[in-house]
Protein backbone atom coordinates (compact mmCIF):
# COMPACT_ATOMS: atom_id res chain seq x y z
CA UNK A 1 -214.02 33.32 1.32
CA UNK A 2 -212.30 31.76 4.27
CA UNK A 3 -215.49 32.06 6.29
CA UNK A 4 -217.45 30.26 3.54
CA UNK A 5 -214.95 27.40 3.56
CA UNK A 6 -215.14 27.14 7.31
CA UNK A 7 -218.92 26.95 7.11
CA UNK A 8 -218.83 24.26 4.40
CA UNK A 9 -216.30 22.01 6.12
CA UNK A 10 -218.73 20.69 8.76
CA UNK A 11 -221.26 19.98 6.02
CA UNK A 12 -218.65 18.14 3.93
CA UNK A 13 -217.52 16.17 6.97
CA UNK A 14 -221.11 15.16 7.72
CA UNK A 15 -221.71 14.17 4.13
CA UNK A 16 -218.54 12.06 4.20
CA UNK A 17 -219.68 10.38 7.41
CA UNK A 18 -223.09 9.70 5.88
CA UNK A 19 -221.43 8.29 2.77
CA UNK A 20 -219.12 6.07 4.82
CA UNK A 21 -222.06 4.86 6.88
CA UNK A 22 -224.10 4.02 3.79
CA UNK A 23 -221.10 2.29 2.20
CA UNK A 24 -220.57 0.16 5.31
CA UNK A 25 -224.27 -0.66 5.47
CA UNK A 26 -224.22 -1.67 1.81
CA UNK A 27 -221.15 -3.89 2.37
CA UNK A 28 -222.82 -5.57 5.36
CA UNK A 29 -226.01 -6.11 3.38
CA UNK A 30 -223.99 -7.58 0.49
CA UNK A 31 -222.09 -9.88 2.88
CA UNK A 32 -225.38 -10.98 4.48
CA UNK A 33 -226.84 -11.70 1.05
CA UNK A 34 -223.78 -13.78 0.04
CA UNK A 35 -224.04 -15.74 3.30
CA UNK A 36 -227.75 -16.26 2.66
CA UNK A 37 -227.00 -17.56 -0.86
CA UNK A 38 -224.37 -19.96 0.46
CA UNK A 39 -226.72 -21.19 3.17
CA UNK A 40 -229.54 -21.78 0.68
CA UNK A 41 -227.18 -23.58 -1.71
CA UNK A 42 -226.05 -25.80 1.18
CA UNK A 43 -229.64 -26.51 2.20
CA UNK A 44 -230.65 -27.28 -1.39
CA UNK A 45 -227.70 -29.65 -1.78
CA UNK A 46 -228.55 -31.41 1.48
CA UNK A 47 -232.19 -31.68 0.41
CA UNK A 48 -231.14 -33.18 -2.94
CA UNK A 49 -228.85 -35.70 -1.20
CA UNK A 50 -231.66 -36.60 1.18
CA UNK A 51 -234.06 -37.12 -1.75
CA UNK A 52 -231.50 -39.37 -3.46
CA UNK A 53 -231.05 -41.39 -0.28
CA UNK A 54 -234.80 -41.82 0.20
CA UNK A 55 -235.18 -42.90 -3.45
CA UNK A 56 -232.43 -45.50 -3.15
CA UNK A 57 -233.81 -46.87 0.12
CA UNK A 58 -237.16 -47.34 -1.66
CA UNK A 59 -235.44 -49.13 -4.56
CA UNK A 60 -233.25 -51.44 -2.47
CA UNK A 61 -235.91 -54.14 -1.84
CA UNK A 62 -236.54 -54.38 -5.60
CA UNK A 63 -232.82 -54.63 -6.35
CA UNK A 64 -232.42 -57.27 -3.62
CA UNK A 65 -235.31 -59.32 -5.02
CA UNK A 66 -233.91 -59.27 -8.56
CA UNK A 67 -230.41 -60.22 -7.38
CA UNK A 68 -231.76 -63.05 -5.23
CA UNK A 69 -233.89 -64.32 -8.12
CA UNK A 70 -230.84 -64.35 -10.38
CA UNK A 71 -228.65 -65.94 -7.70
CA UNK A 72 -231.12 -68.76 -7.02
CA UNK A 73 -231.97 -69.51 -10.64
CA UNK A 74 -231.16 -73.18 -11.29
CA UNK A 75 -228.54 -74.01 -13.89
CA UNK A 76 -230.03 -74.97 -17.24
CA UNK A 77 -228.73 -78.13 -18.89
CA UNK A 78 -229.58 -78.83 -22.52
CA UNK A 79 -231.08 -82.32 -23.04
CA UNK A 80 -229.40 -84.87 -25.29
CA UNK A 81 -229.97 -84.42 -29.01
CA UNK A 82 -233.09 -86.18 -30.23
CA UNK A 83 -234.29 -86.99 -26.72
CA UNK A 84 -237.96 -86.42 -26.13
CA UNK A 85 -237.34 -85.26 -22.56
CA UNK A 86 -237.73 -81.91 -20.86
CA UNK A 87 -234.63 -79.77 -20.23
CA UNK A 88 -232.88 -80.29 -16.92
CA UNK A 89 -232.64 -77.51 -14.35
CA UNK A 90 -229.96 -77.70 -11.69
CA UNK A 91 -228.47 -80.85 -13.20
CA UNK A 92 -231.37 -83.08 -12.14
CA UNK A 93 -234.49 -84.20 -13.96
CA UNK A 94 -237.47 -82.32 -12.60
CA UNK A 95 -241.00 -81.79 -13.68
CA UNK A 96 -240.77 -78.58 -15.63
CA UNK A 97 -243.02 -75.69 -14.62
CA UNK A 98 -245.87 -74.79 -16.97
CA UNK A 99 -244.34 -71.37 -17.49
CA UNK A 100 -241.29 -69.36 -16.56
CA UNK A 101 -241.26 -65.59 -16.41
CA UNK A 102 -244.74 -65.58 -17.90
CA UNK A 103 -243.57 -67.48 -21.03
CA UNK A 104 -245.51 -70.76 -21.54
CA UNK A 105 -243.43 -73.86 -21.96
CA UNK A 106 -243.75 -75.59 -25.30
CA UNK A 107 -245.19 -79.10 -25.01
CA UNK A 108 -243.75 -82.21 -26.55
CA UNK A 109 -239.98 -82.06 -26.30
CA UNK A 110 -239.54 -78.31 -26.77
CA UNK A 111 -236.29 -78.36 -24.84
CA UNK A 112 -234.23 -76.12 -27.13
CA UNK A 113 -237.07 -73.59 -27.41
CA UNK A 114 -237.52 -73.54 -23.66
CA UNK A 115 -233.77 -73.22 -23.15
CA UNK A 116 -233.64 -70.13 -25.37
CA UNK A 117 -236.51 -68.51 -23.47
CA UNK A 118 -234.88 -69.43 -20.17
CA UNK A 119 -231.60 -67.76 -21.21
CA UNK A 120 -233.46 -64.70 -22.47
CA UNK A 121 -235.28 -64.42 -19.16
CA UNK A 122 -231.97 -64.66 -17.30
CA UNK A 123 -230.42 -62.04 -19.60
CA UNK A 124 -233.45 -59.81 -19.03
CA UNK A 125 -232.92 -59.79 -15.26
CA UNK A 126 -229.22 -59.05 -15.79
CA UNK A 127 -230.19 -56.18 -18.09
CA UNK A 128 -232.54 -54.67 -15.52
CA UNK A 129 -229.89 -54.88 -12.80
CA UNK A 130 -227.30 -53.30 -15.10
CA UNK A 131 -229.65 -50.42 -15.89
CA UNK A 132 -230.38 -49.91 -12.19
CA UNK A 133 -226.64 -49.86 -11.43
CA UNK A 134 -226.10 -47.28 -14.18
CA UNK A 135 -228.93 -45.08 -12.87
CA UNK A 136 -227.60 -45.27 -9.31
CA UNK A 137 -224.10 -44.37 -10.52
CA UNK A 138 -225.50 -41.29 -12.29
CA UNK A 139 -226.98 -40.23 -8.94
CA UNK A 140 -223.59 -40.60 -7.27
CA UNK A 141 -224.55 -43.85 -5.54
CA UNK A 142 -222.09 -46.73 -5.64
CA UNK A 143 -222.06 -50.32 -4.46
CA UNK A 144 -219.69 -51.09 -1.62
CA UNK A 145 -216.91 -53.44 -2.70
CA UNK A 146 -217.04 -56.61 -0.67
CA UNK A 147 -215.91 -60.00 -2.00
CA UNK A 148 -212.13 -60.34 -1.83
CA UNK A 149 -211.76 -57.24 0.35
CA UNK A 150 -210.66 -57.08 3.96
CA UNK A 151 -213.58 -56.78 6.38
CA UNK A 152 -214.19 -53.14 7.35
CA UNK A 153 -216.87 -52.47 10.00
CA UNK A 154 -217.39 -49.01 8.52
CA UNK A 155 -218.74 -50.55 5.31
CA UNK A 156 -219.48 -54.21 6.06
CA UNK A 157 -221.71 -56.12 8.43
CA UNK A 158 -220.46 -59.64 9.19
CA UNK A 159 -223.35 -62.09 9.49
CA UNK A 160 -221.48 -65.37 9.06
CA UNK A 161 -218.01 -66.80 9.48
CA UNK A 162 -216.52 -69.74 7.62
CA UNK A 163 -213.18 -71.53 7.89
CA UNK A 164 -211.03 -71.64 4.78
CA UNK A 165 -207.61 -71.04 3.27
CA UNK A 166 -208.28 -67.39 2.36
CA UNK A 167 -206.73 -64.58 4.41
CA UNK A 168 -208.07 -64.18 7.92
CA UNK A 169 -210.85 -61.58 8.00
CA UNK A 170 -211.25 -61.47 4.23
CA UNK A 171 -214.74 -61.40 2.71
CA UNK A 172 -215.60 -64.58 0.82
CA UNK A 173 -219.26 -63.96 0.05
CA UNK A 174 -221.83 -61.16 0.02
CA UNK A 175 -225.37 -61.91 1.16
CA UNK A 176 -226.75 -58.41 0.60
CA UNK A 177 -225.19 -55.54 -1.34
CA UNK A 178 -224.32 -52.31 0.43
CA UNK A 179 -224.41 -48.77 -0.99
CA UNK A 180 -222.71 -45.43 -0.36
CA UNK A 181 -223.70 -41.90 -1.37
CA UNK A 182 -220.86 -39.36 -1.37
CA UNK A 183 -218.92 -41.40 1.21
CA UNK A 184 -222.00 -41.80 3.41
CA UNK A 185 -223.05 -45.40 3.97
CA UNK A 186 -226.71 -45.82 3.08
CA UNK A 187 -226.62 -49.53 3.89
CA UNK A 188 -223.64 -51.71 4.84
CA UNK A 189 -222.92 -54.91 2.93
CA UNK A 190 -223.94 -58.09 4.71
CA UNK A 191 -221.00 -60.40 4.25
CA UNK A 192 -219.45 -63.75 5.08
CA UNK A 193 -215.92 -63.48 6.47
CA UNK A 194 -213.18 -66.08 6.49
CA UNK A 195 -211.37 -67.53 9.49
CA UNK A 196 -208.09 -68.83 8.09
CA UNK A 197 -207.35 -72.51 8.66
CA UNK A 198 -204.05 -73.19 10.37
CA UNK A 199 -201.70 -75.76 8.89
CA UNK A 200 -202.59 -78.30 11.58
CA UNK A 201 -206.33 -77.77 11.19
CA UNK A 202 -208.50 -80.18 9.23
CA UNK A 203 -210.83 -78.44 6.73
CA UNK A 204 -213.39 -81.22 7.06
CA UNK A 205 -213.74 -80.38 10.76
CA UNK A 206 -214.37 -76.70 10.15
CA UNK A 207 -217.88 -75.34 10.35
CA UNK A 208 -219.86 -72.29 9.35
CA UNK A 209 -220.74 -70.00 12.23
CA UNK A 210 -223.42 -67.31 12.28
CA UNK A 211 -222.32 -64.06 13.91
């Protein structure tokens, strides 16, 4: 019986070694698979972020155009009651365009009708911009805060300097909106920064300076 046990022990030892080797191989394979999964998840996330960035870059010119159109729209002034005159844009009498936003202007003193269409057109642009902002936010893309903030070269690009009473280096105007995606700057804000006027300075002598 003792001889049988002695003969079996080497076999058992070999089987245990084989089992340990297979167990270690399985653990290494499992670890490699987990690392592969993590790497693929990282690559997929980076690819998704890249696709978002490309999409936003393609949309930026459209957003810029809409914001500029809204910014440069003249102020509408309602004509006096009963006056057979066209509405005033920008506070001055001008020859009214035949159409605005594709909506024909009513002839013969249609000031109030034109004014309503003008406001609707303005509200329509605002609505489009609001929807674009909402869509960008859902993608994790945010506008960079600018006006009223301290100039930060990591987020802002100074293109002009003006003299005023605001804090030195504060942003007083934004010429082009900037955007960030998960703390990565897609495009910096183009801004106007303030150079504070000293008490002995004369505001009328100050000038705007391009940077």
